[in-house]
PDB file of N, CA and C in Angstrom:
ATOM      1  N   MET A   1     -13.668   1.314  -3.389  1.00  0.00           N
ATOM      2  CA  MET A   1     -12.423   1.580  -2.820  1.00  0.00           C
ATOM      3  C   MET A   1     -11.350   2.145  -4.062  1.00  0.00           C
ATOM      4  N   THR A   2     -10.400   2.974  -3.291  1.00  0.00           N
ATOM      5  CA  THR A   2      -9.756   3.355  -4.396  1.00  0.00           C
ATOM      6  C   THR A   2      -8.901   2.686  -5.047  1.00  0.00           C
ATOM      7  N   ASN A   3      -8.343   2.712  -6.465  1.00  0.00           N
ATOM      8  CA  ASN A   3      -7.418   2.265  -7.093  1.00  0.00           C
ATOM      9  C   ASN A   3      -6.503   2.945  -7.851  1.00  0.00           C
ATOM     10  N   ILE A   4      -5.469   2.508  -8.359  1.00  0.00           N
ATOM     11  CA  ILE A   4      -4.757   3.362  -9.551  1.00  0.00           C
ATOM     12  C   ILE A   4      -4.350   1.743 -10.124  1.00  0.00           C
ATOM     13  N   GLU A   5      -4.454   2.656 -11.739  1.00  0.00           N
ATOM     14  CA  GLU A   5      -3.965   1.898 -12.484  1.00  0.00           C
ATOM     15  C   GLU A   5      -3.279   0.327 -12.316  1.00  0.00           C
ATOM     16  N   GLY A   6      -3.895  -0.646 -12.550  1.00  0.00           N
ATOM     17  CA  GLY A   6      -2.185  -2.377 -12.534  1.00  0.00           C
ATOM     18  C   GLY A   6      -2.035  -1.965 -10.532  1.00  0.00           C
ATOM     19  N   ILE A   7      -2.808  -1.518  -9.787  1.00  0.00           N
ATOM     20  CA  ILE A   7      -2.844  -1.587  -8.100  1.00  0.00           C
ATOM     21  C   ILE A   7      -4.471  -1.415  -7.596  1.00  0.00           C
ATOM     22  N   LYS A   8      -4.817  -2.776  -7.435  1.00  0.00           N
ATOM     23  CA  LYS A   8      -6.298  -2.442  -6.762  1.00  0.00           C
ATOM     24  C   LYS A   8      -6.524  -2.987  -5.417  1.00  0.00           C
ATOM     25  N   VAL A   9      -7.050  -2.418  -4.683  1.00  0.00           N
ATOM     26  CA  VAL A   9      -7.449  -2.706  -3.605  1.00  0.00           C
ATOM     27  C   VAL A   9      -8.119  -3.667  -3.276  1.00  0.00           C
ATOM     28  N   VAL A  10      -8.053  -4.564  -2.510  1.00  0.00           N
ATOM     29  CA  VAL A  10      -8.886  -6.327  -2.716  1.00  0.00           C
ATOM     30  C   VAL A  10      -9.875  -6.000  -1.538  1.00  0.00           C
ATOM     31  N   HIS A  11      -9.266  -5.720  -0.414  1.00  0.00           N
ATOM     32  CA  HIS A  11      -9.625  -5.598   0.773  1.00  0.00           C
ATOM     33  C   HIS A  11      -9.096  -4.837   1.701  1.00  0.00           C
ATOM     34  N   ALA A  12      -9.962  -3.924   2.443  1.00  0.00           N
ATOM     35  CA  ALA A  12      -9.005  -3.254   3.727  1.00  0.00           C
ATOM     36  C   ALA A  12      -9.536  -3.327   5.047  1.00  0.00           C
ATOM     37  N   ILE A  13      -9.466  -3.351   6.028  1.00  0.00           N
ATOM     38  CA  ILE A  13     -10.013  -3.035   7.282  1.00  0.00           C
ATOM     39  C   ILE A  13      -8.487  -2.315   7.705  1.00  0.00           C
ATOM     40  N   PRO A  14      -9.103  -1.706   9.143  1.00  0.00           N
ATOM     41  CA  PRO A  14      -8.008  -0.585   9.906  1.00  0.00           C
ATOM     42  C   PRO A  14      -6.909  -1.758  10.238  1.00  0.00           C
ATOM     43  N   GLY A  15      -5.732  -1.522   9.889  1.00  0.00           N
ATOM     44  CA  GLY A  15      -4.776  -2.797  10.332  1.00  0.00           C
ATOM     45  C   GLY A  15      -4.470  -3.756   9.435  1.00  0.00           C
ATOM     46  N   ARG A  16      -5.218  -3.571   8.444  1.00  0.00           N
ATOM     47  CA  ARG A  16      -5.046  -5.015   6.966  1.00  0.00           C
ATOM     48  C   ARG A  16      -5.399  -4.359   5.931  1.00  0.00           C
ATOM     49  N   LEU A  17      -4.446  -4.643   4.754  1.00  0.00           N
ATOM     50  CA  LEU A  17      -4.937  -4.084   3.609  1.00  0.00           C
ATOM     51  C   LEU A  17      -4.258  -5.438   2.394  1.00  0.00           C
ATOM     52  N   ARG A  18      -5.189  -5.564   1.510  1.00  0.00           N
ATOM     53  CA  ARG A  18      -4.672  -6.299   0.130  1.00  0.00           C
ATOM     54  C   ARG A  18      -4.628  -5.661  -0.910  1.00  0.00           C
ATOM     55  N   LEU A  19      -3.417  -5.958  -1.382  1.00  0.00           N
ATOM     56  CA  LEU A  19      -3.404  -5.451  -2.835  1.00  0.00           C
ATOM     57  C   LEU A  19      -3.389  -6.379  -4.368  1.00  0.00           C
ATOM     58  N   LYS A  20      -4.064  -6.127  -5.067  1.00  0.00           N
ATOM     59  CA  LYS A  20      -3.575  -6.894  -6.002  1.00  0.00           C
ATOM     60  C   LYS A  20      -2.773  -5.922  -7.238  1.00  0.00           C
ATOM     61  N   ILE A  21      -1.457  -6.316  -7.570  1.00  0.00           N
ATOM     62  CA  ILE A  21      -0.478  -5.849  -8.448  1.00  0.00           C
ATOM     63  C   ILE A  21      -0.604  -6.652  -9.513  1.00  0.00           C
ATOM     64  N   SER A  22      -1.052  -6.000 -10.616  1.00  0.00           N
ATOM     65  CA  SER A  22      -1.200  -6.840 -12.029  1.00  0.00           C
ATOM     66  C   SER A  22       0.596  -7.099 -12.745  1.00  0.00           C
ATOM     67  N   ARG A  23       1.595  -6.076 -12.310  1.00  0.00           N
ATOM     68  CA  ARG A  23       2.904  -5.958 -12.685  1.00  0.00           C
ATOM     69  C   ARG A  23       3.754  -7.191 -12.063  1.00  0.00           C
ATOM     70  N   MET A  24       2.878  -7.920 -10.522  1.00  0.00           N
ATOM     71  CA  MET A  24       3.731  -8.359  -9.968  1.00  0.00           C
ATOM     72  C   MET A  24       3.567 -10.079  -9.940  1.00  0.00           C
ATOM     73  N   ARG A  25       2.061 -10.005 -10.938  1.00  0.00           N
ATOM     74  CA  ARG A  25       2.057 -11.047 -10.958  1.00  0.00           C
ATOM     75  C   ARG A  25       3.035 -12.266 -11.772  1.00  0.00           C
ATOM     76  N   ARG A  26       3.319 -13.560 -11.665  1.00  0.00           N
ATOM     77  CA  ARG A  26       4.527 -14.147 -11.754  1.00  0.00           C
ATOM     78  C   ARG A  26       5.986 -13.363 -12.284  1.00  0.00           C
ATOM     79  N   ASN A  27       5.763 -12.361 -11.620  1.00  0.00           N
ATOM     80  CA  ASN A  27       7.304 -11.886 -10.861  1.00  0.00           C
ATOM     81  C   ASN A  27       7.734 -11.793  -9.821  1.00  0.00           C
ATOM     82  N   SER A  28       8.784 -13.043  -9.544  1.00  0.00           N
ATOM     83  CA  SER A  28       9.065 -13.107  -8.433  1.00  0.00           C
ATOM     84  C   SER A  28      10.501 -12.106  -7.754  1.00  0.00           C
ATOM     85  N   VAL A  29      10.592 -11.549  -8.684  1.00  0.00           N
ATOM     86  CA  VAL A  29      11.943 -10.830  -8.723  1.00  0.00           C
ATOM     87  C   VAL A  29      11.537  -9.021  -7.887  1.00  0.00           C
ATOM     88  N   LEU A  30       9.901  -8.642  -8.601  1.00  0.00           N
ATOM     89  CA  LEU A  30       9.376  -7.506  -8.433  1.00  0.00           C
ATOM     90  C   LEU A  30       8.776  -8.025  -6.913  1.00  0.00           C
ATOM     91  N   ALA A  31       8.365  -9.406  -6.270  1.00  0.00           N
ATOM     92  CA  ALA A  31       7.492  -9.538  -5.561  1.00  0.00           C
ATOM     93  C   ALA A  31       8.403  -9.345  -4.170  1.00  0.00           C
ATOM     94  N   ALA A  32       9.754  -9.810  -4.643  1.00  0.00           N
ATOM     95  CA  ALA A  32      10.354 -10.069  -3.043  1.00  0.00           C
ATOM     96  C   ALA A  32      11.111  -8.311  -3.324  1.00  0.00           C
ATOM     97  N   GLU A  33      11.289  -7.663  -4.034  1.00  0.00           N
ATOM     98  CA  GLU A  33      11.483  -6.104  -3.978  1.00  0.00           C
ATOM     99  C   GLU A  33      10.374  -5.178  -3.271  1.00  0.00           C
ATOM    100  N   VAL A  34       9.178  -5.647  -3.446  1.00  0.00           N
ATOM    101  CA  VAL A  34       8.122  -4.653  -3.220  1.00  0.00           C
ATOM    102  C   VAL A  34       7.828  -5.168  -1.528  1.00  0.00           C
ATOM    103  N   GLN A  35       8.112  -6.644  -1.084  1.00  0.00           N
ATOM    104  CA  GLN A  35       8.020  -7.189   0.350  1.00  0.00           C
ATOM    105  C   GLN A  35       9.393  -6.614   1.282  1.00  0.00           C
ATOM    106  N   LYS A  36      10.647  -6.147   0.388  1.00  0.00           N
ATOM    107  CA  LYS A  36      11.582  -5.502   0.779  1.00  0.00           C
ATOM    108  C   LYS A  36      11.067  -4.216   1.058  1.00  0.00           C
ATOM    109  N   ARG A  37      10.927  -3.366  -0.016  1.00  0.00           N
ATOM    110  CA  ARG A  37      11.065  -2.109   0.337  1.00  0.00           C
ATOM    111  C   ARG A  37       9.760  -1.828   1.249  1.00  0.00           C
ATOM    112  N   LEU A  38       8.543  -2.482   1.476  1.00  0.00           N
ATOM    113  CA  LEU A  38       7.568  -2.054   2.116  1.00  0.00           C
ATOM    114  C   LEU A  38       7.679  -2.464   3.608  1.00  0.00           C
ATOM    115  N   SER A  39       8.542  -3.627   3.742  1.00  0.00           N
ATOM    116  CA  SER A  39       8.827  -4.437   5.295  1.00  0.00           C
ATOM    117  C   SER A  39       9.981  -2.907   5.940  1.00  0.00           C
ATOM    118  N   SER A  40      10.605  -2.367   5.242  1.00  0.00           N
ATOM    119  CA  SER A  40      11.487  -1.444   5.772  1.00  0.00           C
ATOM    120  C   SER A  40      11.009  -0.139   6.516  1.00  0.00           C
ATOM    121  N   ILE A  41       9.590   0.039   6.319  1.00  0.00           N
ATOM    122  CA  ILE A  41       8.853   1.289   6.771  1.00  0.00           C
ATOM    123  C   ILE A  41       8.034   0.835   8.201  1.00  0.00           C
ATOM    124  N   GLN A  42       8.963   1.158   9.245  1.00  0.00           N
ATOM    125  CA  GLN A  42       8.353   0.895  10.740  1.00  0.00           C
ATOM    126  C   GLN A  42       6.969   1.342  11.137  1.00  0.00           C
ATOM    127  N   ALA A  43       5.721   1.493  10.161  1.00  0.00           N
ATOM    128  CA  ALA A  43       4.731   1.607  10.450  1.00  0.00           C
ATOM    129  C   ALA A  43       4.252   0.010  10.166  1.00  0.00           C
ATOM    130  N   ILE A  44       4.389  -0.250   9.238  1.00  0.00           N
ATOM    131  CA  ILE A  44       4.140  -1.686   8.295  1.00  0.00           C
ATOM    132  C   ILE A  44       4.773  -3.072   9.398  1.00  0.00           C
ATOM    133  N   GLN A  45       3.926  -3.371   9.770  1.00  0.00           N
ATOM    134  CA  GLN A  45       4.481  -4.881  11.146  1.00  0.00           C
ATOM    135  C   GLN A  45       4.842  -6.170  10.146  1.00  0.00           C
ATOM    136  N   GLN A  46       3.997  -6.564   8.740  1.00  0.00           N
ATOM    137  CA  GLN A  46       4.444  -7.586   8.372  1.00  0.00           C
ATOM    138  C   GLN A  46       4.101  -7.142   6.653  1.00  0.00           C
ATOM    139  N   VAL A  47       4.598  -7.871   5.709  1.00  0.00           N
ATOM    140  CA  VAL A  47       4.266  -7.874   4.381  1.00  0.00           C
ATOM    141  C   VAL A  47       4.352  -9.231   3.740  1.00  0.00           C
ATOM    142  N   MET A  48       3.322 -10.002   3.103  1.00  0.00           N
ATOM    143  CA  MET A  48       3.524 -10.561   2.560  1.00  0.00           C
ATOM    144  C   MET A  48       3.095 -10.467   1.379  1.00  0.00           C
ATOM    145  N   ALA A  49       3.845 -10.981  -0.042  1.00  0.00           N
ATOM    146  CA  ALA A  49       4.034 -10.944  -1.365  1.00  0.00           C
ATOM    147  C   ALA A  49       4.098 -12.258  -2.238  1.00  0.00           C
ATOM    148  N   ASN A  50       2.796 -12.245  -3.442  1.00  0.00           N
ATOM    149  CA  ASN A  50       2.468 -13.790  -3.392  1.00  0.00           C
ATOM    150  C   ASN A  50       2.860 -13.324  -5.008  1.00  0.00           C
ATOM    151  N   PRO A  51       4.293 -14.012  -5.821  1.00  0.00           N
ATOM    152  CA  PRO A  51       4.178 -13.545  -6.870  1.00  0.00           C
ATOM    153  C   PRO A  51       3.050 -14.694  -7.948  1.00  0.00           C
ATOM    154  N   LEU A  52       2.379 -15.484  -7.184  1.00  0.00           N
ATOM    155  CA  LEU A  52       1.608 -16.697  -8.399  1.00  0.00           C
ATOM    156  C   LEU A  52       0.252 -15.627  -8.221  1.00  0.00           C
ATOM    157  N   THR A  53      -0.151 -15.106  -7.643  1.00  0.00           N
ATOM    158  CA  THR A  53      -1.706 -14.265  -7.540  1.00  0.00           C
ATOM    159  C   THR A  53      -1.479 -12.952  -7.819  1.00  0.00           C
ATOM    160  N   GLY A  54      -0.029 -12.193  -7.388  1.00  0.00           N
ATOM    161  CA  GLY A  54       0.193 -10.914  -7.665  1.00  0.00           C
ATOM    162  C   GLY A  54      -0.440  -9.933  -6.081  1.00  0.00           C
ATOM    163  N   SER A  55      -0.438 -10.682  -5.195  1.00  0.00           N
ATOM    164  CA  SER A  55      -1.086 -10.642  -3.923  1.00  0.00           C
ATOM    165  C   SER A  55      -0.341 -10.056  -3.100  1.00  0.00           C
ATOM    166  N   VAL A  56      -0.199  -8.760  -2.575  1.00  0.00           N
ATOM    167  CA  VAL A  56       0.131  -8.270  -1.060  1.00  0.00           C
ATOM    168  C   VAL A  56      -0.710  -8.107  -0.037  1.00  0.00           C
ATOM    169  N   LEU A  57      -0.301  -8.810   1.008  1.00  0.00           N
ATOM    170  CA  LEU A  57      -1.360  -8.383   1.895  1.00  0.00           C
ATOM    171  C   LEU A  57       0.235  -7.749   2.872  1.00  0.00           C
ATOM    172  N   LEU A  58      -0.643  -6.338   3.583  1.00  0.00           N
ATOM    173  CA  LEU A  58      -0.063  -5.426   4.379  1.00  0.00           C
ATOM    174  C   LEU A  58      -0.851  -5.623   5.963  1.00  0.00           C
ATOM    175  N   LEU A  59      -0.086  -5.521   6.908  1.00  0.00           N
ATOM    176  CA  LEU A  59      -0.454  -5.486   8.024  1.00  0.00           C
ATOM    177  C   LEU A  59       0.498  -4.309   8.545  1.00  0.00           C
ATOM    178  N   TYR A  60      -0.388  -3.818   9.276  1.00  0.00           N
ATOM    179  CA  TYR A  60       0.015  -2.387   9.687  1.00  0.00           C
ATOM    180  C   TYR A  60      -0.326  -1.778  11.044  1.00  0.00           C
ATOM    181  N   ASP A  61       0.159  -0.915  11.389  1.00  0.00           N
ATOM    182  CA  ASP A  61      -0.020  -0.181  12.740  1.00  0.00           C
ATOM    183  C   ASP A  61      -1.365   0.922  12.215  1.00  0.00           C
ATOM    184  N   PRO A  62      -2.584   0.851  12.180  1.00  0.00           N
ATOM    185  CA  PRO A  62      -3.553   1.589  11.696  1.00  0.00           C
ATOM    186  C   PRO A  62      -3.300   3.688  12.506  1.00  0.00           C
ATOM    187  N   LYS A  63      -2.397   3.531  13.814  1.00  0.00           N
ATOM    188  CA  LYS A  63      -2.681   4.774  14.240  1.00  0.00           C
ATOM    189  C   LYS A  63      -1.153   5.430  13.731  1.00  0.00           C
ATOM    190  N   GLU A  64      -0.496   4.737  12.696  1.00  0.00           N
ATOM    191  CA  GLU A  64       0.989   5.296  12.007  1.00  0.00           C
ATOM    192  C   GLU A  64       0.931   5.330  10.736  1.00  0.00           C
ATOM    193  N   ILE A  65      -0.033   4.684  10.211  1.00  0.00           N
ATOM    194  CA  ILE A  65       0.479   4.273   8.649  1.00  0.00           C
ATOM    195  C   ILE A  65       0.288   5.845   7.928  1.00  0.00           C
ATOM    196  N   PHE A  66      -0.627   6.607   8.209  1.00  0.00           N
ATOM    197  CA  PHE A  66      -1.083   7.259   7.584  1.00  0.00           C
ATOM    198  C   PHE A  66      -0.572   8.744   8.012  1.00  0.00           C
ATOM    199  N   SER A  67       0.534   8.675   9.133  1.00  0.00           N
ATOM    200  CA  SER A  67       1.158   9.659   9.425  1.00  0.00           C
ATOM    201  C   SER A  67       1.868  10.503   8.212  1.00  0.00           C
ATOM    202  N   PRO A  68       2.075  11.932   8.297  1.00  0.00           N
ATOM    203  CA  PRO A  68       2.729  12.485   7.218  1.00  0.00           C
ATOM    204  C   PRO A  68       4.049  11.608   6.790  1.00  0.00           C
ATOM    205  N   GLY A  69       5.104  11.683   8.103  1.00  0.00           N
ATOM    206  CA  GLY A  69       6.257  10.915   7.631  1.00  0.00           C
ATOM    207  C   GLY A  69       6.125   9.425   7.376  1.00  0.00           C
ATOM    208  N   THR A  70       5.234   8.841   7.591  1.00  0.00           N
ATOM    209  CA  THR A  70       4.718   7.639   6.738  1.00  0.00           C
ATOM    210  C   THR A  70       4.908   7.517   5.748  1.00  0.00           C
ATOM    211  N   LEU A  71       3.556   8.215   5.585  1.00  0.00           N
ATOM    212  CA  LEU A  71       3.241   8.769   3.777  1.00  0.00           C
ATOM    213  C   LEU A  71       4.349   9.263   2.842  1.00  0.00           C
ATOM    214  N   GLY A  72       5.003   9.719   3.493  1.00  0.00           N
ATOM    215  CA  GLY A  72       6.336   9.977   2.333  1.00  0.00           C
ATOM    216  C   GLY A  72       7.087   8.656   2.110  1.00  0.00           C
ATOM    217  N   LEU A  73       7.135   8.019   3.333  1.00  0.00           N
ATOM    218  CA  LEU A  73       8.075   6.576   3.270  1.00  0.00           C
ATOM    219  C   LEU A  73       7.315   5.872   1.687  1.00  0.00           C
ATOM    220  N   LEU A  74       6.213   5.910   1.983  1.00  0.00           N
ATOM    221  CA  LEU A  74       5.228   4.763   1.269  1.00  0.00           C
ATOM    222  C   LEU A  74       5.512   5.425  -0.236  1.00  0.00           C
ATOM    223  N   LEU A  75       5.159   7.127  -0.670  1.00  0.00           N
ATOM    224  CA  LEU A  75       5.401   7.912  -1.504  1.00  0.00           C
ATOM    225  C   LEU A  75       6.974   7.152  -2.766  1.00  0.00           C
ATOM    226  N   GLU A  76       7.455   7.117  -1.115  1.00  0.00           N
ATOM    227  CA  GLU A  76       9.445   7.110  -2.194  1.00  0.00           C
ATOM    228  C   GLU A  76       9.107   5.410  -2.567  1.00  0.00           C
ATOM    229  N   ALA A  77       8.888   4.743  -1.324  1.00  0.00           N
ATOM    230  CA  ALA A  77       8.781   3.208  -2.054  1.00  0.00           C
ATOM    231  C   ALA A  77       8.089   2.873  -3.097  1.00  0.00           C
ATOM    232  N   LEU A  78       6.726   3.109  -3.457  1.00  0.00           N
ATOM    233  CA  LEU A  78       5.716   2.946  -4.168  1.00  0.00           C
ATOM    234  C   LEU A  78       6.447   3.763  -5.603  1.00  0.00           C
ATOM    235  N   SER A  79       7.260   5.076  -5.746  1.00  0.00           N
ATOM    236  CA  SER A  79       7.538   5.436  -6.358  1.00  0.00           C
ATOM    237  C   SER A  79       8.682   5.092  -7.547  1.00  0.00           C
ATOM    238  N   SER A  80       9.561   4.572  -6.684  1.00  0.00           N
ATOM    239  CA  SER A  80      10.800   3.780  -6.724  1.00  0.00           C
ATOM    240  C   SER A  80      10.452   2.301  -7.841  1.00  0.00           C
ATOM    241  N   LEU A  81       9.092   1.916  -6.666  1.00  0.00           N
ATOM    242  CA  LEU A  81       8.856   0.344  -7.450  1.00  0.00           C
ATOM    243  C   LEU A  81       7.997   0.513  -8.789  1.00  0.00           C
ATOM    244  N   PHE A  82       7.302   1.372  -8.715  1.00  0.00           N
ATOM    245  CA  PHE A  82       6.231   1.647  -9.783  1.00  0.00           C
ATOM    246  C   PHE A  82       6.798   2.982 -10.776  1.00  0.00           C
ATOM    247  N   PRO A  83       7.789   3.273 -11.149  1.00  0.00           N
ATOM    248  CA  PRO A  83       8.158   4.447 -12.024  1.00  0.00           C
ATOM    249  C   PRO A  83       6.988   4.898 -13.010  1.00  0.00           C
ATOM    250  N   GLU A  84       6.424   3.727 -13.243  1.00  0.00           N
ATOM    251  CA  GLU A  84       5.506   4.331 -14.578  1.00  0.00           C
ATOM    252  C   GLU A  84       4.290   5.340 -14.182  1.00  0.00           C
ATOM    253  N   PHE A  85       4.151   5.247 -12.798  1.00  0.00           N
ATOM    254  CA  PHE A  85       3.092   6.376 -12.292  1.00  0.00           C
ATOM    255  C   PHE A  85       3.527   7.458 -11.610  1.00  0.00           C
ATOM    256  N   ALA A  86       3.171   8.356 -12.023  1.00  0.00           N
ATOM    257  CA  ALA A  86       3.774   9.728 -11.526  1.00  0.00           C
ATOM    258  C   ALA A  86       3.741   9.884  -9.676  1.00  0.00           C
ATOM    259  N   PRO A  87       4.464  10.594  -9.390  1.00  0.00           N
ATOM    260  CA  PRO A  87       4.458  10.682  -7.496  1.00  0.00           C
ATOM    261  C   PRO A  87       3.039  11.325  -7.411  1.00  0.00           C
ATOM    262  N   GLU A  88       2.663  12.017  -8.403  1.00  0.00           N
ATOM    263  CA  GLU A  88       1.432  12.926  -7.373  1.00  0.00           C
ATOM    264  C   GLU A  88       0.053  11.839  -7.814  1.00  0.00           C
ATOM    265  N   ASP A  89       0.113  11.197  -8.971  1.00  0.00           N
ATOM    266  CA  ASP A  89      -0.757  10.083  -8.741  1.00  0.00           C
ATOM    267  C   ASP A  89      -0.749   8.916  -7.348  1.00  0.00           C
ATOM    268  N   ILE A  90       0.365   8.897  -7.124  1.00  0.00           N
ATOM    269  CA  ILE A  90       0.721   8.086  -5.923  1.00  0.00           C
ATOM    270  C   ILE A  90       0.084   8.884  -4.561  1.00  0.00           C
ATOM    271  N   LYS A  91       0.386   9.757  -4.971  1.00  0.00           N
ATOM    272  CA  LYS A  91       0.342  10.935  -3.273  1.00  0.00           C
ATOM    273  C   LYS A  91      -1.268  11.068  -3.266  1.00  0.00           C
ATOM    274  N   ASP A  92      -1.789  11.327  -5.014  1.00  0.00           N
ATOM    275  CA  ASP A  92      -3.117  11.212  -4.621  1.00  0.00           C
ATOM    276  C   ASP A  92      -4.403  10.020  -3.968  1.00  0.00           C
ATOM    277  N   TRP A  93      -3.232   8.644  -4.292  1.00  0.00           N
ATOM    278  CA  TRP A  93      -4.264   7.196  -4.137  1.00  0.00           C
ATOM    279  C   TRP A  93      -3.653   6.954  -2.592  1.00  0.00           C
ATOM    280  N   LEU A  94      -2.622   7.553  -2.063  1.00  0.00           N
ATOM    281  CA  LEU A  94      -2.409   7.493  -0.733  1.00  0.00           C
ATOM    282  C   LEU A  94      -3.218   8.430   0.164  1.00  0.00           C
ATOM    283  N   ASP A  95      -3.478   9.503  -0.366  1.00  0.00           N
ATOM    284  CA  ASP A  95      -4.250  10.421   0.336  1.00  0.00           C
ATOM    285  C   ASP A  95      -5.630   9.597   0.373  1.00  0.00           C
ATOM    286  N   ALA A  96      -6.071   9.583  -0.791  1.00  0.00           N
ATOM    287  CA  ALA A  96      -7.560   8.894  -0.751  1.00  0.00           C
ATOM    288  C   ALA A  96      -7.431   7.634  -0.108  1.00  0.00           C
ATOM    289  N   LEU A  97      -6.740   6.666   0.226  1.00  0.00           N
ATOM    290  CA  LEU A  97      -6.995   5.744   0.783  1.00  0.00           C
ATOM    291  C   LEU A  97      -6.680   6.145   2.758  1.00  0.00           C
ATOM    292  N   SER A  98      -6.208   7.575   2.971  1.00  0.00           N
ATOM    293  CA  SER A  98      -5.921   7.878   4.168  1.00  0.00           C
ATOM    294  C   SER A  98      -7.309   8.360   4.667  1.00  0.00           C
ATOM    295  N   ARG A  99      -8.361   9.132   3.979  1.00  0.00           N
ATOM    296  CA  ARG A  99      -9.685   9.853   4.171  1.00  0.00           C
ATOM    297  C   ARG A  99     -10.322   8.265   3.846  1.00  0.00           C
ATOM    298  N   GLU A 100     -10.259   6.992   3.567  1.00  0.00           N
ATOM    299  CA  GLU A 100     -11.235   6.154   3.455  1.00  0.00           C
ATOM    300  C   GLU A 100     -10.925   5.680   5.344  1.00  0.00           C
ATOM    301  N   PHE A 101     -10.088   5.485   5.619  1.00  0.00           N
ATOM    302  CA  PHE A 101      -9.912   5.113   7.037  1.00  0.00           C
ATOM    303  C   PHE A 101      -9.847   5.873   8.249  1.00  0.00           C
ATOM    304  N   GLU A 102      -9.968   7.342   8.046  1.00  0.00           N
ATOM    305  CA  GLU A 102      -9.870   8.080   8.953  1.00  0.00           C
ATOM    306  C   GLU A 102     -11.327   7.794   9.997  1.00  0.00           C
ATOM    307  N   PRO A 103     -11.031   7.750  11.176  1.00  0.00           N
ATOM    308  CA  PRO A 103     -11.839   7.487  12.160  1.00  0.00           C
ATOM    309  C   PRO A 103     -13.281   8.250  12.198  1.00  0.00           C
ATOM    310  N   GLN A 104     -14.194   7.897  11.833  1.00  0.00           N
ATOM    311  CA  GLN A 104     -15.299   8.469  11.845  1.00  0.00           C
ATOM    312  C   GLN A 104     -15.977   8.634  13.355  1.00  0.00           C
ATOM    313  N   ALA A 105     -16.734   9.894  13.424  1.00  0.00           N
ATOM    314  CA  ALA A 105     -17.423  10.075  14.919  1.00  0.00           C
ATOM    315  C   ALA A 105     -18.387   9.925  14.858  1.00  0.00           C
ATOM    316  N   PRO A 106     -18.581   8.985  16.301  1.00  0.00           N
ATOM    317  CA  PRO A 106     -19.745   8.087  16.634  1.00  0.00           C
ATOM    318  C   PRO A 106     -20.964   8.656  16.318  1.00  0.00           C
ATOM    319  N   VAL A 107     -22.257   8.405  15.820  1.00  0.00           N
ATOM    320  CA  VAL A 107     -23.304   8.806  15.411  1.00  0.00           C
ATOM    321  C   VAL A 107     -24.183   8.682  16.776  1.00  0.00           C
ATOM    322  N   HIS A 108     -25.163   9.838  17.156  1.00  0.00           N
ATOM    323  CA  HIS A 108     -25.473   9.429  18.387  1.00  0.00           C
ATOM    324  C   HIS A 108     -27.042   9.630  17.943  1.00  0.00           C
TER     325      HIS A 108
END
């Protein structure tokens, strides 16, 4: 699973992604901001941010989440939430995630 320092993908299946964000643990202000910013992205259907555990559950439309427009919105949201990460590092992370979820051709 693809990770970026401080943000770990704990579980991922198309339509559902659970992250652990170390900076969010015991930080209810950041948890609320993560939930607010990510919830504003149309392809994301639900965000549940838990400041006790630092966990974020994202339910999303797997057909739309990695479209170029949505990736741009995710990059913008994550860059503003986590300014310590270079935008190109976040972009590389999102690109790697999108490759992990590319539909695979059936094997015959």
